[in-house]
C-alpha atoms as a PDB file:
ATOM      1  CA  ILE A   1       0.000   0.000   0.000  1.00  0.00           C
ATOM      2  CA  GLU A   2       2.859   2.337   0.822  1.00  0.00           C
ATOM      3  CA  ILE A   3       4.229   2.105  -2.721  1.00  0.00           C
ATOM      4  CA  LEU A   4       0.798   2.766  -4.243  1.00  0.00           C
ATOM      5  CA  VAL A   5       0.413   5.827  -2.032  1.00  0.00           C
ATOM      6  CA  MET A   6       3.867   7.029  -3.074  1.00  0.00           C
ATOM      7  CA  LEU A   7       2.993   6.586  -6.760  1.00  0.00           C
ATOM      8  CA  ALA A   8      -0.324   8.395  -6.334  1.00  0.00           C
ATOM      9  CA  HIS A   9       1.380  11.320  -4.586  1.00  0.00           C
ATOM     10  CA  ASN A  10       4.546  11.627  -6.646  1.00  0.00           C
ATOM     11  CA  CYS A  11       4.179  10.114 -10.105  1.00  0.00           C
ATOM     12  CA  LYS A  12       3.178  12.552 -12.831  1.00  0.00           C
ATOM     13  CA  TYR A  13       2.184   9.951 -15.427  1.00  0.00           C
ATOM     14  CA  GLU A  14      -1.566   9.793 -15.934  1.00  0.00           C
ATOM     15  CA  GLY A  15      -1.644   6.029 -16.522  1.00  0.00           C
ATOM     16  CA  VAL A  16       0.328   5.284 -13.363  1.00  0.00           C
ATOM     17  CA  GLN A  17      -1.934   7.551 -11.324  1.00  0.00           C
ATOM     18  CA  GLU A  18      -5.010   5.779 -12.693  1.00  0.00           C
ATOM     19  CA  GLU A  19      -3.594   2.349 -11.879  1.00  0.00           C
ATOM     20  CA  ALA A  20      -2.532   3.418  -8.383  1.00  0.00           C
ATOM     21  CA  ALA A  21      -6.025   4.767  -7.675  1.00  0.00           C
ATOM     22  CA  ARG A  22      -7.628   1.627  -9.101  1.00  0.00           C
ATOM     23  CA  ALA A  23      -5.414  -0.615  -6.952  1.00  0.00           C
ATOM     24  CA  LEU A  24      -6.068   1.406  -3.792  1.00  0.00           C
ATOM     25  CA  GLY A  25      -9.798   1.115  -4.457  1.00  0.00           C
ATOM     26  CA  LYS A  26      -9.527  -2.663  -4.511  1.00  0.00           C
ATOM     27  CA  LEU A  27      -7.982  -2.669  -1.036  1.00  0.00           C
ATOM     28  CA  ASP A  28      -9.580  -1.584   2.214  1.00  0.00           C
ATOM     29  CA  VAL A  29      -7.219   1.331   2.790  1.00  0.00           C
ATOM     30  CA  GLY A  30      -9.584   3.505   4.810  1.00  0.00           C
ATOM     31  CA  GLN A  31      -7.373   3.311   7.874  1.00  0.00           C
ATOM     32  CA  GLU A  32      -4.012   3.324   6.055  1.00  0.00           C
ATOM     33  CA  ALA A  33      -1.906   6.432   6.571  1.00  0.00           C
ATOM     34  CA  GLY A  34      -1.751   8.596   3.484  1.00  0.00           C
ATOM     35  CA  ALA A  35      -3.963   6.459   1.265  1.00  0.00           C
ATOM     36  CA  LEU A  36      -7.079   8.596   1.536  1.00  0.00           C
ATOM     37  CA  ASP A  37      -5.060  11.792   1.161  1.00  0.00           C
ATOM     38  CA  ALA A  38      -3.473  10.400  -2.001  1.00  0.00           C
ATOM     39  CA  LEU A  39      -6.855   9.520  -3.499  1.00  0.00           C
ATOM     40  CA  ILE A  40      -8.315  12.887  -2.579  1.00  0.00           C
ATOM     41  CA  GLN A  41      -5.307  14.583  -4.184  1.00  0.00           C
ATOM     42  CA  LEU A  42      -5.975  12.600  -7.362  1.00  0.00           C
ATOM     43  CA  THR A  43      -9.576  13.875  -7.479  1.00  0.00           C
ATOM     44  CA  HIS A  44      -8.032  17.261  -8.311  1.00  0.00           C
ATOM     45  CA  SER A  45      -6.024  15.912 -11.249  1.00  0.00           C
ATOM     46  CA  PRO A  46      -6.260  17.726 -14.585  1.00  0.00           C
ATOM     47  CA  HIS A  47      -6.877  14.315 -16.188  1.00  0.00           C
ATOM     48  CA  GLU A  48     -10.458  13.076 -16.283  1.00  0.00           C
ATOM     49  CA  GLY A  49      -9.460   9.402 -16.132  1.00  0.00           C
ATOM     50  CA  VAL A  50      -7.427   9.967 -12.969  1.00  0.00           C
ATOM     51  CA  ARG A  51     -10.276  11.873 -11.318  1.00  0.00           C
ATOM     52  CA  LYS A  52     -12.712   9.097 -12.243  1.00  0.00           C
ATOM     53  CA  GLU A  53     -10.485   6.325 -10.854  1.00  0.00           C
ATOM     54  CA  ALA A  54      -9.866   8.258  -7.646  1.00  0.00           C
ATOM     55  CA  ALA A  55     -13.590   8.892  -7.150  1.00  0.00           C
ATOM     56  CA  CYS A  56     -14.406   5.229  -7.831  1.00  0.00           C
ATOM     57  CA  ALA A  57     -11.722   4.154  -5.364  1.00  0.00           C
ATOM     58  CA  LEU A  58     -13.118   6.425  -2.651  1.00  0.00           C
ATOM     59  CA  TRP A  59     -16.607   5.084  -3.304  1.00  0.00           C
ATOM     60  CA  LYS A  60     -15.417   1.477  -3.022  1.00  0.00           C
ATOM     61  CA  ILE A  61     -13.598   2.266   0.209  1.00  0.00           C
ATOM     62  CA  LEU A  62     -16.765   3.848   1.572  1.00  0.00           C
ATOM     63  CA  LEU A  63     -18.621   0.613   0.898  1.00  0.00           C
ATOM     64  CA  CYS A  64     -15.961  -1.630   2.514  1.00  0.00           C
ATOM     65  CA  ASP A  65     -16.394  -0.609   6.120  1.00  0.00           C
ATOM     66  CA  ASP A  66     -18.590   1.851   8.009  1.00  0.00           C
ATOM     67  CA  ARG A  67     -15.507   3.153   9.842  1.00  0.00           C
ATOM     68  CA  ASN A  68     -14.247   4.465   6.523  1.00  0.00           C
ATOM     69  CA  HIS A  69     -17.082   6.997   6.323  1.00  0.00           C
ATOM     70  CA  GLU A  70     -15.626   9.081   9.144  1.00  0.00           C
ATOM     71  CA  ALA A  71     -12.051   8.732   7.878  1.00  0.00           C
ATOM     72  CA  ILE A  72     -12.991   9.897   4.382  1.00  0.00           C
ATOM     73  CA  ALA A  73     -15.060  12.784   5.712  1.00  0.00           C
ATOM     74  CA  ALA A  74     -12.241  13.876   8.048  1.00  0.00           C
ATOM     75  CA  ALA A  75      -9.745  13.804   5.158  1.00  0.00           C
ATOM     76  CA  GLY A  76     -11.925  16.064   3.001  1.00  0.00           C
ATOM     77  CA  GLY A  77     -13.188  13.315   0.730  1.00  0.00           C
ATOM     78  CA  VAL A  78     -16.825  14.374   0.848  1.00  0.00           C
ATOM     79  CA  GLN A  79     -16.000  17.830  -0.479  1.00  0.00           C
ATOM     80  CA  ALA A  80     -13.785  16.327  -3.174  1.00  0.00           C
ATOM     81  CA  LEU A  81     -16.513  13.956  -4.334  1.00  0.00           C
ATOM     82  CA  VAL A  82     -19.159  16.686  -4.303  1.00  0.00           C
ATOM     83  CA  ALA A  83     -16.869  18.935  -6.346  1.00  0.00           C
ATOM     84  CA  LEU A  84     -16.535  16.188  -8.957  1.00  0.00           C
ATOM     85  CA  ALA A  85     -20.282  15.760  -9.148  1.00  0.00           C
END
């Protein structure tokens, strides 16, 4: 997870960002340090595909565990998702 977070934060290649977001969405990373912040950062990407993957990942994480709701809200994920809508 740490490497995926690093790629999401630091890599500037659109395809890598999409894949990192997609992979994070397949894992229950709601309680993992930096993972939610990385996904929320990707929701602000200039690339539509990256924004879509990040939003889908956040949605999947929301569905994994009720505890993730508070973590995503505290990290600013609700505002990021609303802005994308």
